[in-house]
Amino acid sequence: MNDRNQDGESLSVFIPGLMGAGILASAVVLIGDLLRFLLPDTGTRRARRIARSAHGLIASTVQPAGIELVAWKRETRVPRNRMTYLILVVWMGVLIVAALEEATEEFGRAGGLLYHNPWPLIIGITVAVLAGLVGAIGLALAGATTRTPSWLQWLVGNTWLGKSTIAGELVLEAKPAR
């Protein structure tokens, strides 16, 4: 196979460059999918917006019938059990060890494609730092008592670290008006 163009210049950077662009595009798609998985469902946000908007209409409709609409319960996220967070910490620890071990092995393997190439180390250290951050948050949540710091409460309430108490359904409470 000829790897030269008509002018005799090498085409050896074209295929790796094209593959690199494909890898970057795949990474962007995977990161987007990961964020969609980790962050709360946008369908739930939409259901909350609809429920807030409908609350006033429903309240004004049932008021002439002598029913007072107390409130609607929105979906809330509460902490998971401690064992879940401890399992998360163990998995993150395994990921840290595996990422660093694999990165240093690829960096130092004589004759390998990535011998003394800094990218395996950069990727391995980045994965290890991110896994360490998630593991530290999991450890903090596993050890949290009734006085959970506000930043942990925010993480539980807005990410996958908390479990949903109402699965997106609208629950209305009503009591007879006096």
Foldseek 3Di string as FASTA:
>chain_A
DDQADPVRDGNVVVVVVVVVVVVVVVVVVVVVVVVCQWWDHVLLVVLVVVLVVCVVVVQVVCVVVQKHWDDKDRKWFDADALVVLVVLLVVLVVLLVVLQVVLVCQCCPPPHPNPVPCVSVVVSVVSNVVSVVSNVLSVLSSPDDPPRDPVNSVSRGTTPNTDIPDPSDIDIDMDGHD
